[in-house]
Amino acid sequence: MPLYDYVCRNCNFRFETLVRSNSLASCPRCSSNAMDKQVSAPSAPPRNKALITAARRQAAREGHLSNYSAAERMQLLNRP
């Protein structure tokens, strides 16, 4: 399943999502299917532990928890 960046034409919300070949992406904010696929540039993974921690925090704030282990995801999701 490829990971794509989208911008919703209805509410201008920018997000990324995994999309299967037989499904359509829909906006998590307004549920519209009117999307513009964006070009996303790959970046090299950081090698510094502080950069990795910062990137994981940013990903968690944006709702992307796939780079965490299952135990780490549970800990993050159960925080008040």
Protein backbone atom coordinates (compact mmCIF):
# COMPACT_ATOMS: atom_id res chain seq x y z
CA MET A 1 0.00 0.00 0.00
CA PRO A 2 1.55 3.30 -1.03
CA LEU A 3 1.55 6.35 1.20
CA TYR A 4 0.24 9.47 -0.56
CA ASP A 5 -0.10 13.13 0.40
CA TYR A 6 -3.42 14.79 -0.43
CA VAL A 7 -5.07 18.18 -0.24
CA CYS A 8 -8.84 18.25 0.06
CA ARG A 9 -10.48 20.53 -2.51
CA ASN A 10 -13.47 21.04 -0.22
CA CYS A 11 -11.76 22.23 3.01
CA ASN A 12 -8.07 22.60 1.95
CA PHE A 13 -6.95 20.12 4.63
CA ARG A 14 -3.54 18.58 3.89
CA PHE A 15 -2.95 14.99 5.04
CA GLU A 16 -1.23 11.74 4.12
CA THR A 17 -2.76 8.31 4.05
CA LEU A 18 -2.21 4.75 2.93
CA VAL A 19 -4.37 3.94 -0.08
CA ARG A 20 -5.17 0.51 -1.44
CA SER A 21 -5.54 0.16 -5.18
CA ASN A 22 -9.29 -0.55 -4.97
CA SER A 23 -10.21 2.27 -2.54
CA LEU A 24 -10.60 6.04 -2.70
CA ALA A 25 -9.05 8.45 -0.25
CA SER A 26 -11.43 10.61 1.73
CA CYS A 27 -10.71 13.67 3.81
CA PRO A 28 -10.48 12.91 7.55
CA ARG A 29 -11.89 16.37 8.32
CA CYS A 30 -14.90 16.70 6.00
CA SER A 31 -15.17 13.19 4.43
CA SER A 32 -15.04 14.59 0.89
CA ASN A 33 -13.59 12.46 -1.91
CA ALA A 34 -12.49 15.52 -3.95
CA MET A 35 -8.72 15.25 -3.50
CA ASP A 36 -5.58 16.51 -5.19
CA LYS A 37 -2.65 14.10 -4.88
CA GLN A 38 0.56 15.89 -3.90
CA VAL A 39 4.15 15.10 -4.74
CA SER A 40 6.07 14.20 -1.59
CA ALA A 41 9.83 14.25 -1.49
CA PRO A 42 11.57 11.46 0.38
CA SER A 43 14.06 12.41 3.05
CA ALA A 44 17.00 10.51 4.43
CA PRO A 45 16.37 9.05 7.89
CA PRO A 46 18.01 11.02 10.69
CA ARG A 47 20.95 9.41 12.46
CA ASN A 48 21.01 11.61 15.55
CA LYS A 49 18.93 10.29 18.49
CA ALA A 50 17.61 13.80 19.28
CA LEU A 51 16.47 14.25 15.66
CA ILE A 52 14.77 10.85 15.68
CA THR A 53 12.95 11.72 18.92
CA ALA A 54 11.86 15.09 17.52
CA ALA A 55 10.64 13.48 14.28
CA ARG A 56 8.65 10.88 16.24
CA ARG A 57 7.02 13.60 18.36
CA GLN A 58 6.09 15.56 15.24
CA ALA A 59 4.68 12.41 13.61
CA ALA A 60 2.62 11.68 16.72
CA ARG A 61 1.25 15.25 16.76
CA GLU A 62 0.23 14.80 13.13
CA GLY A 63 -1.33 11.41 13.83
CA HIS A 64 1.32 9.27 12.13
CA LEU A 65 2.27 6.57 14.62
CA SER A 66 3.57 3.93 12.22
CA ASN A 67 7.21 4.59 13.09
CA TYR A 68 6.62 3.53 16.72
CA SER A 69 6.61 0.01 18.11
CA ALA A 70 3.28 -1.36 19.35
CA ALA A 71 4.29 -0.73 22.98
CA GLU A 72 5.34 2.85 22.19
CA ARG A 73 2.05 3.51 20.36
CA MET A 74 0.03 2.29 23.34
CA GLN A 75 2.04 4.51 25.68
CA LEU A 76 1.53 7.57 23.43
CA LEU A 77 -2.16 6.93 22.91
CA ASN A 78 -2.85 6.48 26.62
CA ARG A 79 -1.30 9.81 27.62
CA PRO A 80 -3.71 12.41 29.07
